[in-house]
N, C-alpha and C. Protein backbone atom coordinates (compact mmCIF):
# COMPACT_ATOMS: atom_id res chain seq x y z
N MET A 1 0.85 -1.18 0.00
CA MET A 1 0.00 0.00 0.00
C MET A 1 0.89 1.24 0.00
N ARG A 2 0.46 2.21 -0.78
CA ARG A 2 1.26 3.42 -0.87
C ARG A 2 0.38 4.60 -1.21
N MET A 3 0.64 5.69 -0.53
CA MET A 3 0.02 6.96 -0.87
C MET A 3 1.12 7.82 -1.49
N TRP A 4 0.97 8.16 -2.75
CA TRP A 4 1.99 8.99 -3.41
C TRP A 4 1.98 10.40 -2.83
N MET A 5 0.82 10.94 -2.55
CA MET A 5 0.64 12.27 -1.95
C MET A 5 1.21 13.40 -2.80
N VAL A 6 1.32 13.19 -4.09
CA VAL A 6 1.73 14.26 -5.01
C VAL A 6 0.47 14.74 -5.72
N ASP A 7 0.57 15.86 -6.41
CA ASP A 7 -0.54 16.39 -7.20
C ASP A 7 -1.10 15.26 -8.08
N PRO A 8 -2.37 14.88 -7.91
CA PRO A 8 -2.92 13.79 -8.71
C PRO A 8 -2.84 14.05 -10.22
N GLY A 9 -2.76 15.30 -10.63
CA GLY A 9 -2.61 15.62 -12.04
C GLY A 9 -1.26 15.19 -12.60
N LEU A 10 -0.32 14.84 -11.72
CA LEU A 10 1.00 14.37 -12.16
C LEU A 10 1.09 12.86 -12.22
N LEU A 11 -0.02 12.18 -11.96
CA LEU A 11 -0.04 10.72 -11.98
C LEU A 11 -0.64 10.21 -13.29
N CYS A 12 0.02 9.25 -13.90
CA CYS A 12 -0.54 8.60 -15.08
C CYS A 12 -1.78 7.82 -14.65
N ARG A 13 -2.50 7.31 -15.61
CA ARG A 13 -3.72 6.54 -15.31
C ARG A 13 -3.42 5.39 -14.35
N GLN A 14 -2.37 4.63 -14.64
CA GLN A 14 -2.04 3.47 -13.82
C GLN A 14 -1.75 3.86 -12.37
N HIS A 15 -0.97 4.91 -12.16
CA HIS A 15 -0.62 5.31 -10.80
C HIS A 15 -1.79 5.99 -10.08
N LEU A 16 -2.59 6.74 -10.80
CA LEU A 16 -3.78 7.36 -10.20
C LEU A 16 -4.75 6.29 -9.72
N LEU A 17 -5.10 5.37 -10.60
CA LEU A 17 -6.05 4.33 -10.21
C LEU A 17 -5.44 3.36 -9.21
N GLY A 18 -4.14 3.14 -9.30
CA GLY A 18 -3.46 2.28 -8.35
C GLY A 18 -3.48 2.85 -6.94
N GLU A 19 -3.20 4.15 -6.82
CA GLU A 19 -3.24 4.76 -5.49
C GLU A 19 -4.66 4.72 -4.94
N HIS A 20 -5.64 4.97 -5.79
CA HIS A 20 -7.04 4.92 -5.34
C HIS A 20 -7.38 3.52 -4.82
N ARG A 21 -7.00 2.50 -5.57
CA ARG A 21 -7.26 1.11 -5.14
C ARG A 21 -6.55 0.82 -3.82
N GLU A 22 -5.32 1.29 -3.68
CA GLU A 22 -4.57 1.02 -2.46
C GLU A 22 -5.15 1.75 -1.26
N LEU A 23 -5.76 2.91 -1.45
CA LEU A 23 -6.44 3.58 -0.34
C LEU A 23 -7.58 2.70 0.18
N HIS A 24 -8.32 2.09 -0.74
CA HIS A 24 -9.40 1.21 -0.31
C HIS A 24 -8.86 -0.04 0.37
N THR A 25 -7.72 -0.53 -0.07
CA THR A 25 -7.06 -1.66 0.60
C THR A 25 -6.65 -1.25 2.00
N LEU A 26 -6.12 -0.05 2.14
CA LEU A 26 -5.72 0.47 3.45
C LEU A 26 -6.93 0.55 4.38
N VAL A 27 -8.04 1.05 3.87
CA VAL A 27 -9.27 1.12 4.68
C VAL A 27 -9.67 -0.28 5.14
N GLY A 28 -9.61 -1.24 4.23
CA GLY A 28 -9.94 -2.62 4.60
C GLY A 28 -9.02 -3.16 5.68
N THR A 29 -7.75 -2.84 5.59
CA THR A 29 -6.79 -3.27 6.61
C THR A 29 -7.14 -2.66 7.96
N ILE A 30 -7.46 -1.38 7.99
CA ILE A 30 -7.81 -0.70 9.24
C ILE A 30 -9.07 -1.31 9.84
N ARG A 31 -10.04 -1.58 8.99
CA ARG A 31 -11.34 -2.10 9.47
C ARG A 31 -11.28 -3.55 9.92
N HIS A 32 -10.43 -4.36 9.31
CA HIS A 32 -10.51 -5.80 9.54
C HIS A 32 -9.31 -6.41 10.24
N SER A 33 -8.28 -5.63 10.50
CA SER A 33 -7.11 -6.16 11.19
C SER A 33 -7.35 -6.15 12.70
N SER A 34 -6.92 -7.18 13.38
CA SER A 34 -7.07 -7.21 14.83
C SER A 34 -6.15 -6.19 15.50
N ASN A 35 -5.04 -5.85 14.84
CA ASN A 35 -4.11 -4.86 15.38
C ASN A 35 -3.57 -4.03 14.23
N PRO A 36 -4.37 -3.07 13.70
CA PRO A 36 -3.93 -2.33 12.52
C PRO A 36 -2.65 -1.52 12.73
N LYS A 37 -2.40 -1.05 13.96
CA LYS A 37 -1.16 -0.29 14.19
C LYS A 37 0.05 -1.17 13.95
N ARG A 38 -0.01 -2.39 14.43
CA ARG A 38 1.11 -3.31 14.22
C ARG A 38 1.19 -3.74 12.75
N THR A 39 0.05 -4.02 12.14
CA THR A 39 0.00 -4.44 10.75
C THR A 39 0.60 -3.38 9.82
N LEU A 40 0.35 -2.11 10.13
CA LEU A 40 0.77 -1.00 9.26
C LEU A 40 2.12 -0.40 9.64
N ARG A 41 2.74 -0.89 10.68
CA ARG A 41 3.99 -0.30 11.18
C ARG A 41 5.04 -0.09 10.10
N GLY A 42 5.28 -1.08 9.26
CA GLY A 42 6.29 -0.97 8.20
C GLY A 42 5.95 0.12 7.19
N PHE A 43 4.67 0.32 6.92
CA PHE A 43 4.25 1.38 5.99
C PHE A 43 4.54 2.76 6.57
N PHE A 44 4.36 2.89 7.90
CA PHE A 44 4.70 4.16 8.55
C PHE A 44 6.21 4.37 8.55
N GLU A 45 6.94 3.34 8.90
CA GLU A 45 8.40 3.44 8.97
C GLU A 45 9.02 3.77 7.62
N ASN A 46 8.43 3.29 6.55
CA ASN A 46 8.94 3.53 5.20
C ASN A 46 8.32 4.75 4.53
N LYS A 47 7.58 5.52 5.30
CA LYS A 47 6.97 6.78 4.83
C LYS A 47 6.09 6.57 3.60
N LEU A 48 5.21 5.55 3.69
CA LEU A 48 4.34 5.21 2.57
C LEU A 48 2.89 5.62 2.76
N ILE A 49 2.48 5.88 4.00
CA ILE A 49 1.07 6.24 4.24
C ILE A 49 0.96 7.36 5.27
N GLU A 50 -0.11 8.13 5.13
CA GLU A 50 -0.49 9.18 6.08
C GLU A 50 -1.97 8.96 6.41
N LEU A 51 -2.23 8.33 7.52
CA LEU A 51 -3.63 8.00 7.84
C LEU A 51 -4.49 9.24 8.01
N HIS A 52 -3.94 10.28 8.64
CA HIS A 52 -4.74 11.47 8.89
C HIS A 52 -5.16 12.18 7.60
N ASN A 53 -4.54 11.85 6.48
CA ASN A 53 -4.90 12.46 5.19
C ASN A 53 -5.67 11.51 4.28
N LEU A 54 -6.09 10.38 4.79
CA LEU A 54 -6.71 9.37 3.96
C LEU A 54 -7.98 9.88 3.27
N ARG A 55 -8.89 10.47 4.00
CA ARG A 55 -10.14 10.94 3.39
C ARG A 55 -9.87 12.09 2.41
N ASN A 56 -9.06 13.04 2.81
CA ASN A 56 -8.74 14.16 1.92
C ASN A 56 -8.04 13.68 0.65
N ARG A 57 -7.13 12.74 0.79
CA ARG A 57 -6.43 12.22 -0.37
C ARG A 57 -7.40 11.51 -1.31
N HIS A 58 -8.31 10.75 -0.75
CA HIS A 58 -9.31 10.07 -1.58
C HIS A 58 -10.11 11.10 -2.38
N GLU A 59 -10.50 12.18 -1.74
CA GLU A 59 -11.25 13.24 -2.42
C GLU A 59 -10.43 13.86 -3.56
N GLN A 60 -9.13 14.08 -3.33
CA GLN A 60 -8.26 14.62 -4.38
C GLN A 60 -8.19 13.66 -5.57
N LEU A 61 -8.03 12.38 -5.28
CA LEU A 61 -7.93 11.39 -6.35
C LEU A 61 -9.24 11.29 -7.13
N VAL A 62 -10.36 11.30 -6.41
CA VAL A 62 -11.67 11.23 -7.07
C VAL A 62 -11.88 12.45 -7.96
N PHE A 63 -11.50 13.63 -7.48
CA PHE A 63 -11.64 14.84 -8.28
C PHE A 63 -10.88 14.70 -9.59
N GLU A 64 -9.63 14.21 -9.51
CA GLU A 64 -8.83 14.02 -10.73
C GLU A 64 -9.43 12.93 -11.62
N MET A 65 -9.93 11.87 -11.01
CA MET A 65 -10.55 10.80 -11.80
C MET A 65 -11.76 11.34 -12.56
N GLU A 66 -12.59 12.11 -11.89
CA GLU A 66 -13.77 12.67 -12.54
C GLU A 66 -13.39 13.69 -13.62
N LYS A 67 -12.33 14.45 -13.36
CA LYS A 67 -11.82 15.39 -14.35
C LYS A 67 -11.41 14.66 -15.63
N ARG A 68 -10.87 13.47 -15.47
CA ARG A 68 -10.46 12.66 -16.62
C ARG A 68 -11.61 11.80 -17.16
N LYS A 69 -12.80 12.01 -16.61
CA LYS A 69 -14.01 11.29 -17.05
C LYS A 69 -13.99 9.80 -16.69
N TYR A 70 -13.27 9.43 -15.63
CA TYR A 70 -13.31 8.06 -15.14
C TYR A 70 -14.57 7.90 -14.30
N ASN A 71 -15.08 6.70 -14.21
CA ASN A 71 -16.33 6.43 -13.51
C ASN A 71 -16.02 5.96 -12.08
N HIS A 72 -16.08 6.87 -11.12
CA HIS A 72 -15.81 6.53 -9.73
C HIS A 72 -17.10 6.11 -9.04
N GLN A 73 -17.07 4.94 -8.40
CA GLN A 73 -18.25 4.45 -7.70
C GLN A 73 -17.89 3.79 -6.37
N SER A 74 -16.84 4.25 -5.74
CA SER A 74 -16.42 3.59 -4.49
C SER A 74 -16.11 4.64 -3.42
N PRO A 75 -17.15 5.18 -2.80
CA PRO A 75 -16.91 6.13 -1.71
C PRO A 75 -16.27 5.43 -0.51
N LEU A 76 -15.64 6.21 0.32
CA LEU A 76 -15.09 5.65 1.56
C LEU A 76 -16.23 5.46 2.56
N PRO A 77 -16.06 4.53 3.49
CA PRO A 77 -17.10 4.31 4.50
C PRO A 77 -17.32 5.56 5.35
N GLU A 78 -18.55 5.77 5.73
CA GLU A 78 -18.90 6.96 6.53
C GLU A 78 -18.23 6.94 7.89
N ASP A 79 -18.03 5.76 8.47
CA ASP A 79 -17.48 5.67 9.82
C ASP A 79 -15.94 5.69 9.84
N LEU A 80 -15.32 5.96 8.72
CA LEU A 80 -13.86 5.87 8.62
C LEU A 80 -13.15 6.80 9.61
N ASP A 81 -13.65 8.01 9.76
CA ASP A 81 -12.94 8.98 10.60
C ASP A 81 -12.78 8.53 12.04
N LYS A 82 -13.68 7.72 12.55
CA LYS A 82 -13.51 7.26 13.93
C LYS A 82 -12.59 6.04 14.03
N LEU A 83 -12.20 5.49 12.88
CA LEU A 83 -11.31 4.33 12.87
C LEU A 83 -9.84 4.69 12.68
N ILE A 84 -9.58 5.90 12.16
CA ILE A 84 -8.19 6.26 11.86
C ILE A 84 -7.59 7.11 12.96
N TRP A 85 -6.31 7.17 12.99
CA TRP A 85 -5.60 7.97 13.97
C TRP A 85 -4.53 8.77 13.22
N SER A 86 -4.00 9.77 13.86
CA SER A 86 -3.03 10.65 13.22
C SER A 86 -1.65 10.01 13.27
N GLU A 87 -1.24 9.48 12.14
CA GLU A 87 0.09 8.86 12.08
C GLU A 87 0.55 8.82 10.63
N GLY A 88 1.84 8.94 10.45
CA GLY A 88 2.45 8.77 9.14
C GLY A 88 2.78 10.08 8.45
N VAL A 89 3.91 10.06 7.75
CA VAL A 89 4.35 11.18 6.92
C VAL A 89 4.93 10.58 5.65
N VAL A 90 4.44 11.06 4.51
CA VAL A 90 4.92 10.58 3.22
C VAL A 90 5.95 11.57 2.67
N ASP A 91 7.02 11.06 2.13
CA ASP A 91 8.07 11.88 1.52
C ASP A 91 7.67 12.20 0.07
N LYS A 92 6.99 13.31 -0.11
CA LYS A 92 6.44 13.68 -1.42
C LYS A 92 7.53 13.95 -2.45
N GLU A 93 8.60 14.59 -2.05
CA GLU A 93 9.69 14.89 -2.99
C GLU A 93 10.33 13.60 -3.50
N TYR A 94 10.55 12.67 -2.60
CA TYR A 94 11.10 11.37 -3.02
C TYR A 94 10.14 10.69 -4.00
N ASN A 95 8.84 10.76 -3.69
CA ASN A 95 7.86 10.09 -4.55
C ASN A 95 7.80 10.72 -5.95
N LEU A 96 7.91 12.04 -6.04
CA LEU A 96 7.95 12.68 -7.36
C LEU A 96 9.14 12.16 -8.16
N LYS A 97 10.28 12.10 -7.51
CA LYS A 97 11.49 11.60 -8.17
C LYS A 97 11.33 10.14 -8.57
N ASP A 98 10.77 9.34 -7.68
CA ASP A 98 10.56 7.93 -7.95
C ASP A 98 9.62 7.73 -9.14
N LEU A 99 8.53 8.48 -9.18
CA LEU A 99 7.59 8.39 -10.29
C LEU A 99 8.25 8.80 -11.61
N ARG A 100 9.04 9.85 -11.56
CA ARG A 100 9.74 10.36 -12.75
C ARG A 100 10.68 9.29 -13.30
N GLU A 101 11.35 8.57 -12.40
CA GLU A 101 12.32 7.57 -12.81
C GLU A 101 11.69 6.25 -13.25
N ARG A 102 10.58 5.89 -12.67
CA ARG A 102 10.01 4.58 -12.94
C ARG A 102 8.94 4.58 -14.02
N CYS A 103 8.36 5.77 -14.35
CA CYS A 103 7.20 5.78 -15.24
C CYS A 103 7.31 6.90 -16.27
N ILE A 104 7.41 6.53 -17.51
CA ILE A 104 7.56 7.53 -18.57
C ILE A 104 6.33 8.42 -18.68
N GLU A 105 5.14 7.87 -18.43
CA GLU A 105 3.92 8.67 -18.51
C GLU A 105 3.85 9.71 -17.39
N CYS A 106 4.22 9.32 -16.17
CA CYS A 106 4.26 10.29 -15.07
C CYS A 106 5.33 11.36 -15.34
N ARG A 107 6.46 10.94 -15.89
CA ARG A 107 7.52 11.90 -16.23
C ARG A 107 7.00 12.94 -17.23
N LYS A 108 6.28 12.49 -18.26
CA LYS A 108 5.72 13.42 -19.24
C LYS A 108 4.76 14.40 -18.58
N LEU A 109 3.94 13.93 -17.65
CA LEU A 109 3.00 14.82 -16.96
C LEU A 109 3.75 15.84 -16.11
N GLN A 110 4.82 15.40 -15.43
CA GLN A 110 5.61 16.33 -14.62
C GLN A 110 6.29 17.37 -15.49
N GLU A 111 6.75 16.99 -16.66
CA GLU A 111 7.44 17.92 -17.55
C GLU A 111 6.49 18.97 -18.12
N LYS A 112 5.23 18.63 -18.26
CA LYS A 112 4.23 19.57 -18.76
C LYS A 112 3.94 20.69 -17.77
N LYS A 113 4.06 20.39 -16.48
CA LYS A 113 3.70 21.38 -15.45
C LYS A 113 4.83 22.23 -15.05
């Protein structure tokens, strides 16, 4: 699971939809794990997720998806806010660099802006 936490307009289709899918996976982990803090520890340590930004990030991704005319039909659960806690920091600059190096489509989007 990974939250890129960069401008969604800089994500290619694959990375945009992938991050959206992974947010829903993260929600499932929080809801169904007997000890989500322990289960997610490695993601926090590797600066891959920011739980306190989960809902806001989902809204950003959905906005970009709708802008691109993708059909979004998976809202987050209403009770999510009482299940999450404030933890995690994502290294956005590292992620921009990583996307630029690993994905030619993301690189093209970054070069346009």
